[in-house]
Amino acid sequence: MALATLSLCVLTLTWANLYQVCANRHAVHWNSSNIQ
């Protein structure tokens, strides 16, 4: 049971990381296109 909880936490963190990276990339792209 502890293993399942741990893997669930890891999965959640991984998804959160991926989401943040995608959002940051989009924001950076948007900002650079605005500057130019």
PDB file of N, CA and C in Angstrom:
ATOM      1  N   MET A   1       0.836  -1.203   0.000  1.00  0.00           N
ATOM      2  CA  MET A   1       0.000   0.000   0.000  1.00  0.00           C
ATOM      3  C   MET A   1       0.875   1.259   0.000  1.00  0.00           C
ATOM      4  N   ALA A   2       1.924   1.239   0.801  1.00  0.00           N
ATOM      5  CA  ALA A   2       2.808   2.405   0.855  1.00  0.00           C
ATOM      6  C   ALA A   2       3.467   2.623  -0.504  1.00  0.00           C
ATOM      7  N   LEU A   3       3.777   1.505  -1.169  1.00  0.00           N
ATOM      8  CA  LEU A   3       4.420   1.605  -2.482  1.00  0.00           C
ATOM      9  C   LEU A   3       3.479   2.264  -3.485  1.00  0.00           C
ATOM     10  N   ALA A   4       2.204   1.903  -3.426  1.00  0.00           N
ATOM     11  CA  ALA A   4       1.215   2.488  -4.336  1.00  0.00           C
ATOM     12  C   ALA A   4       1.084   3.988  -4.077  1.00  0.00           C
ATOM     13  N   THR A   5       1.052   4.361  -2.811  1.00  0.00           N
ATOM     14  CA  THR A   5       0.945   5.778  -2.459  1.00  0.00           C
ATOM     15  C   THR A   5       2.169   6.539  -2.953  1.00  0.00           C
ATOM     16  N   LEU A   6       3.339   5.936  -2.762  1.00  0.00           N
ATOM     17  CA  LEU A   6       4.585   6.573  -3.181  1.00  0.00           C
ATOM     18  C   LEU A   6       4.610   6.761  -4.696  1.00  0.00           C
ATOM     19  N   SER A   7       4.244   5.719  -5.427  1.00  0.00           N
ATOM     20  CA  SER A   7       4.263   5.817  -6.892  1.00  0.00           C
ATOM     21  C   SER A   7       3.245   6.850  -7.370  1.00  0.00           C
ATOM     22  N   LEU A   8       2.121   6.944  -6.677  1.00  0.00           N
ATOM     23  CA  LEU A   8       1.105   7.932  -7.042  1.00  0.00           C
ATOM     24  C   LEU A   8       1.655   9.342  -6.848  1.00  0.00           C
ATOM     25  N   CYS A   9       2.364   9.546  -5.748  1.00  0.00           N
ATOM     26  CA  CYS A   9       2.969  10.855  -5.480  1.00  0.00           C
ATOM     27  C   CYS A   9       3.990  11.190  -6.565  1.00  0.00           C
ATOM     28  N   VAL A  10       4.817  10.209  -6.921  1.00  0.00           N
ATOM     29  CA  VAL A  10       5.837  10.431  -7.946  1.00  0.00           C
ATOM     30  C   VAL A  10       5.181  10.771  -9.277  1.00  0.00           C
ATOM     31  N   LEU A  11       4.119  10.048  -9.606  1.00  0.00           N
ATOM     32  CA  LEU A  11       3.401  10.316 -10.857  1.00  0.00           C
ATOM     33  C   LEU A  11       2.845  11.735 -10.865  1.00  0.00           C
ATOM     34  N   THR A  12       2.239  12.125  -9.752  1.00  0.00           N
ATOM     35  CA  THR A  12       1.656  13.463  -9.656  1.00  0.00           C
ATOM     36  C   THR A  12       2.727  14.532  -9.824  1.00  0.00           C
ATOM     37  N   LEU A  13       3.869  14.338  -9.149  1.00  0.00           N
ATOM     38  CA  LEU A  13       4.956  15.306  -9.250  1.00  0.00           C
ATOM     39  C   LEU A  13       5.475  15.383 -10.680  1.00  0.00           C
ATOM     40  N   THR A  14       5.592  14.229 -11.322  1.00  0.00           N
ATOM     41  CA  THR A  14       6.083  14.195 -12.701  1.00  0.00           C
ATOM     42  C   THR A  14       5.148  14.955 -13.624  1.00  0.00           C
ATOM     43  N   TRP A  15       3.845  14.713 -13.482  1.00  0.00           N
ATOM     44  CA  TRP A  15       2.867  15.412 -14.319  1.00  0.00           C
ATOM     45  C   TRP A  15       2.909  16.912 -14.054  1.00  0.00           C
ATOM     46  N   ALA A  16       3.039  17.303 -12.777  1.00  0.00           N
ATOM     47  CA  ALA A  16       3.096  18.722 -12.426  1.00  0.00           C
ATOM     48  C   ALA A  16       4.329  19.366 -13.059  1.00  0.00           C
ATOM     49  N   ASN A  17       5.456  18.639 -13.025  1.00  0.00           N
ATOM     50  CA  ASN A  17       6.691  19.146 -13.627  1.00  0.00           C
ATOM     51  C   ASN A  17       6.527  19.345 -15.121  1.00  0.00           C
ATOM     52  N   LEU A  18       5.973  18.338 -15.793  1.00  0.00           N
ATOM     53  CA  LEU A  18       5.770  18.420 -17.243  1.00  0.00           C
ATOM     54  C   LEU A  18       4.864  19.593 -17.584  1.00  0.00           C
ATOM     55  N   TYR A  19       3.800  19.750 -16.810  1.00  0.00           N
ATOM     56  CA  TYR A  19       2.848  20.835 -17.062  1.00  0.00           C
ATOM     57  C   TYR A  19       3.534  22.194 -16.918  1.00  0.00           C
ATOM     58  N   GLN A  20       4.355  22.330 -15.855  1.00  0.00           N
ATOM     59  CA  GLN A  20       5.053  23.594 -15.628  1.00  0.00           C
ATOM     60  C   GLN A  20       6.027  23.891 -16.754  1.00  0.00           C
ATOM     61  N   VAL A  21       6.755  22.861 -17.202  1.00  0.00           N
ATOM     62  CA  VAL A  21       7.726  23.044 -18.284  1.00  0.00           C
ATOM     63  C   VAL A  21       7.019  23.508 -19.549  1.00  0.00           C
ATOM     64  N   CYS A  22       5.901  22.876 -19.865  1.00  0.00           N
ATOM     65  CA  CYS A  22       5.136  23.261 -21.065  1.00  0.00           C
ATOM     66  C   CYS A  22       4.621  24.693 -20.922  1.00  0.00           C
ATOM     67  N   ALA A  23       4.096  25.035 -19.763  1.00  0.00           N
ATOM     68  CA  ALA A  23       3.561  26.374 -19.530  1.00  0.00           C
ATOM     69  C   ALA A  23       4.681  27.415 -19.615  1.00  0.00           C
ATOM     70  N   ASN A  24       5.844  27.098 -19.039  1.00  0.00           N
ATOM     71  CA  ASN A  24       6.974  28.024 -19.074  1.00  0.00           C
ATOM     72  C   ASN A  24       7.453  28.241 -20.501  1.00  0.00           C
ATOM     73  N   ARG A  25       7.525  27.161 -21.267  1.00  0.00           N
ATOM     74  CA  ARG A  25       7.957  27.266 -22.656  1.00  0.00           C
ATOM     75  C   ARG A  25       7.001  28.170 -23.430  1.00  0.00           C
ATOM     76  N   HIS A  26       5.730  27.976 -23.202  1.00  0.00           N
ATOM     77  CA  HIS A  26       4.721  28.778 -23.894  1.00  0.00           C
ATOM     78  C   HIS A  26       4.864  30.251 -23.498  1.00  0.00           C
ATOM     79  N   ALA A  27       5.080  30.499 -22.215  1.00  0.00           N
ATOM     80  CA  ALA A  27       5.213  31.870 -21.726  1.00  0.00           C
ATOM     81  C   ALA A  27       6.464  32.518 -22.317  1.00  0.00           C
ATOM     82  N   VAL A  28       7.562  31.785 -22.349  1.00  0.00           N
ATOM     83  CA  VAL A  28       8.808  32.327 -22.900  1.00  0.00           C
ATOM     84  C   VAL A  28       8.629  32.635 -24.380  1.00  0.00           C
ATOM     85  N   HIS A  29       8.005  31.734 -25.100  1.00  0.00           N
ATOM     86  CA  HIS A  29       7.767  31.940 -26.536  1.00  0.00           C
ATOM     87  C   HIS A  29       6.895  33.178 -26.739  1.00  0.00           C
ATOM     88  N   TRP A  30       5.858  33.298 -25.934  1.00  0.00           N
ATOM     89  CA  TRP A  30       4.936  34.430 -26.039  1.00  0.00           C
ATOM     90  C   TRP A  30       5.674  35.741 -25.756  1.00  0.00           C
ATOM     91  N   ASN A  31       6.515  35.754 -24.702  1.00  0.00           N
ATOM     92  CA  ASN A  31       7.243  36.967 -24.334  1.00  0.00           C
ATOM     93  C   ASN A  31       8.242  37.366 -25.412  1.00  0.00           C
ATOM     94  N   SER A  32       8.987  36.394 -25.933  1.00  0.00           N
ATOM     95  CA  SER A  32      10.000  36.712 -26.937  1.00  0.00           C
ATOM     96  C   SER A  32       9.341  37.227 -28.214  1.00  0.00           C
ATOM     97  N   SER A  33       8.188  36.680 -28.565  1.00  0.00           N
ATOM     98  CA  SER A  33       7.507  37.147 -29.774  1.00  0.00           C
ATOM     99  C   SER A  33       6.938  38.548 -29.544  1.00  0.00           C
ATOM    100  N   ASN A  34       6.593  38.858 -28.305  1.00  0.00           N
ATOM    101  CA  ASN A  34       6.086  40.195 -27.988  1.00  0.00           C
ATOM    102  C   ASN A  34       7.211  41.223 -28.063  1.00  0.00           C
ATOM    103  N   ILE A  35       8.398  40.836 -27.577  1.00  0.00           N
ATOM    104  CA  ILE A  35       9.541  41.751 -27.571  1.00  0.00           C
ATOM    105  C   ILE A  35       9.955  42.077 -29.005  1.00  0.00           C
ATOM    106  N   GLN A  36      10.041  41.052 -29.832  1.00  0.00           N
ATOM    107  CA  GLN A  36      10.412  41.279 -31.223  1.00  0.00           C
ATOM    108  C   GLN A  36       9.231  41.915 -31.922  1.00  0.00           C
TER     109      GLN A  36
END
